[in-house]
Amino acid sequence: MRWRRQERVERELQVKYEGKYKNAGLVLLFDLLMALAVATFVALLAAVLYFVVS
């Protein structure tokens, strides 16, 4: 989506993801899972602090 020209897409795929869409998808999935883990940790920390303080 970021690059409209196919040659730029192919070059980015080769440089960052070893030429495989699977690797790009795995990186995206890992980033999403890490974001969810951080959000869960922050929510748990907030809940613990709420119950400890009150």
N, C-alpha and C. Protein backbone atom coordinates (compact mmCIF):
# COMPACT_ATOMS: atom_id res chain seq x y z
N MET A 1 0.82 -1.20 0.00
CA MET A 1 0.00 0.00 0.00
C MET A 1 0.86 1.26 0.00
N ARG A 2 2.02 1.16 0.64
CA ARG A 2 2.84 2.34 0.76
C ARG A 2 3.49 2.71 -0.57
N TRP A 3 3.89 1.70 -1.32
CA TRP A 3 4.53 1.95 -2.60
C TRP A 3 3.62 1.45 -3.71
N ARG A 4 3.37 2.29 -4.68
CA ARG A 4 2.47 1.92 -5.78
C ARG A 4 3.21 1.20 -6.90
N ARG A 5 4.50 1.46 -7.03
CA ARG A 5 5.24 0.81 -8.11
C ARG A 5 5.70 -0.58 -7.69
N GLN A 6 5.47 -1.54 -8.55
CA GLN A 6 5.76 -2.94 -8.24
C GLN A 6 7.24 -3.17 -8.00
N GLU A 7 8.12 -2.49 -8.72
CA GLU A 7 9.56 -2.72 -8.52
C GLU A 7 10.01 -2.28 -7.12
N ARG A 8 9.40 -1.24 -6.57
CA ARG A 8 9.74 -0.82 -5.21
C ARG A 8 9.23 -1.83 -4.19
N VAL A 9 8.07 -2.39 -4.46
CA VAL A 9 7.52 -3.43 -3.57
C VAL A 9 8.43 -4.64 -3.57
N GLU A 10 8.85 -5.08 -4.73
CA GLU A 10 9.72 -6.25 -4.84
C GLU A 10 11.07 -6.00 -4.16
N ARG A 11 11.62 -4.80 -4.32
CA ARG A 11 12.90 -4.48 -3.70
C ARG A 11 12.77 -4.49 -2.18
N GLU A 12 11.71 -3.91 -1.65
CA GLU A 12 11.49 -3.90 -0.20
C GLU A 12 11.30 -5.32 0.33
N LEU A 13 10.58 -6.14 -0.41
CA LEU A 13 10.38 -7.53 -0.03
C LEU A 13 11.72 -8.27 0.02
N GLN A 14 12.58 -8.05 -0.94
CA GLN A 14 13.88 -8.70 -0.97
C GLN A 14 14.77 -8.23 0.17
N VAL A 15 14.78 -6.93 0.43
CA VAL A 15 15.69 -6.37 1.43
C VAL A 15 15.25 -6.75 2.84
N LYS A 16 13.98 -6.57 3.16
CA LYS A 16 13.53 -6.74 4.54
C LYS A 16 13.09 -8.16 4.87
N TYR A 17 12.52 -8.87 3.91
CA TYR A 17 11.85 -10.13 4.22
C TYR A 17 12.37 -11.32 3.42
N GLU A 18 13.58 -11.22 2.94
CA GLU A 18 14.23 -12.31 2.20
C GLU A 18 13.41 -12.78 1.00
N GLY A 19 12.62 -11.88 0.44
CA GLY A 19 11.87 -12.19 -0.77
C GLY A 19 10.63 -13.04 -0.57
N LYS A 20 10.18 -13.20 0.66
CA LYS A 20 9.03 -14.06 0.91
C LYS A 20 7.92 -13.29 1.61
N TYR A 21 6.73 -13.40 1.06
CA TYR A 21 5.57 -12.77 1.68
C TYR A 21 5.26 -13.42 3.02
N LYS A 22 5.61 -14.70 3.16
CA LYS A 22 5.38 -15.40 4.43
C LYS A 22 6.15 -14.72 5.56
N ASN A 23 7.39 -14.35 5.30
CA ASN A 23 8.19 -13.67 6.32
C ASN A 23 7.59 -12.32 6.68
N ALA A 24 7.08 -11.61 5.69
CA ALA A 24 6.45 -10.32 5.95
C ALA A 24 5.20 -10.51 6.82
N GLY A 25 4.43 -11.53 6.54
CA GLY A 25 3.24 -11.82 7.34
C GLY A 25 3.58 -12.22 8.76
N LEU A 26 4.64 -13.00 8.92
CA LEU A 26 5.06 -13.41 10.26
C LEU A 26 5.54 -12.22 11.08
N VAL A 27 6.24 -11.31 10.46
CA VAL A 27 6.69 -10.11 11.17
C VAL A 27 5.48 -9.28 11.59
N LEU A 28 4.51 -9.14 10.71
CA LEU A 28 3.30 -8.40 11.04
C LEU A 28 2.54 -9.07 12.18
N LEU A 29 2.42 -10.38 12.14
CA LEU A 29 1.73 -11.13 13.19
C LEU A 29 2.47 -11.00 14.52
N PHE A 30 3.78 -11.10 14.50
CA PHE A 30 4.57 -10.97 15.72
C PHE A 30 4.40 -9.57 16.32
N ASP A 31 4.42 -8.54 15.47
CA ASP A 31 4.22 -7.17 15.96
C ASP A 31 2.85 -7.02 16.61
N LEU A 32 1.83 -7.61 16.01
CA LEU A 32 0.49 -7.54 16.57
C LEU A 32 0.41 -8.25 17.91
N LEU A 33 1.00 -9.44 18.00
CA LEU A 33 0.99 -10.18 19.26
C LEU A 33 1.76 -9.45 20.35
N MET A 34 2.86 -8.81 20.01
CA MET A 34 3.62 -8.05 21.00
C MET A 34 2.82 -6.84 21.48
N ALA A 35 2.10 -6.19 20.58
CA ALA A 35 1.26 -5.06 20.98
C ALA A 35 0.16 -5.52 21.93
N LEU A 36 -0.45 -6.66 21.64
CA LEU A 36 -1.47 -7.20 22.54
C LEU A 36 -0.89 -7.59 23.89
N ALA A 37 0.31 -8.13 23.90
CA ALA A 37 0.96 -8.51 25.15
C ALA A 37 1.26 -7.27 26.00
N VAL A 38 1.73 -6.23 25.38
CA VAL A 38 2.02 -5.00 26.11
C VAL A 38 0.73 -4.39 26.66
N ALA A 39 -0.33 -4.37 25.85
CA ALA A 39 -1.61 -3.82 26.31
C ALA A 39 -2.16 -4.64 27.48
N THR A 40 -2.04 -5.95 27.42
CA THR A 40 -2.50 -6.81 28.50
C THR A 40 -1.70 -6.57 29.77
N PHE A 41 -0.39 -6.45 29.63
CA PHE A 41 0.46 -6.19 30.78
C PHE A 41 0.11 -4.86 31.44
N VAL A 42 -0.09 -3.83 30.64
CA VAL A 42 -0.44 -2.51 31.18
C VAL A 42 -1.80 -2.57 31.87
N ALA A 43 -2.76 -3.28 31.30
CA ALA A 43 -4.08 -3.40 31.92
C ALA A 43 -3.99 -4.15 33.25
N LEU A 44 -3.22 -5.22 33.29
CA LEU A 44 -3.03 -5.96 34.54
C LEU A 44 -2.34 -5.11 35.60
N LEU A 45 -1.33 -4.39 35.20
CA LEU A 45 -0.63 -3.51 36.12
C LEU A 45 -1.56 -2.43 36.66
N ALA A 46 -2.38 -1.85 35.80
CA ALA A 46 -3.33 -0.84 36.24
C ALA A 46 -4.35 -1.43 37.21
N ALA A 47 -4.83 -2.63 36.94
CA ALA A 47 -5.80 -3.27 37.83
C ALA A 47 -5.18 -3.57 39.19
N VAL A 48 -3.97 -4.08 39.20
CA VAL A 48 -3.28 -4.36 40.46
C VAL A 48 -3.09 -3.07 41.25
N LEU A 49 -2.62 -2.03 40.60
CA LEU A 49 -2.42 -0.76 41.30
C LEU A 49 -3.75 -0.19 41.81
N TYR A 50 -4.81 -0.35 41.05
CA TYR A 50 -6.11 0.14 41.48
C TYR A 50 -6.57 -0.55 42.77
N PHE A 51 -6.40 -1.85 42.82
CA PHE A 51 -6.86 -2.59 44.00
C PHE A 51 -5.92 -2.42 45.20
N VAL A 52 -4.64 -2.20 44.94
CA VAL A 52 -3.70 -2.00 46.04
C VAL A 52 -3.90 -0.62 46.66
N VAL A 53 -4.11 0.39 45.83
CA VAL A 53 -4.22 1.76 46.32
C VAL A 53 -5.58 1.99 47.00
N SER A 54 -6.64 1.41 46.48
CA SER A 54 -7.96 1.67 47.04
C SER A 54 -8.36 0.76 48.16
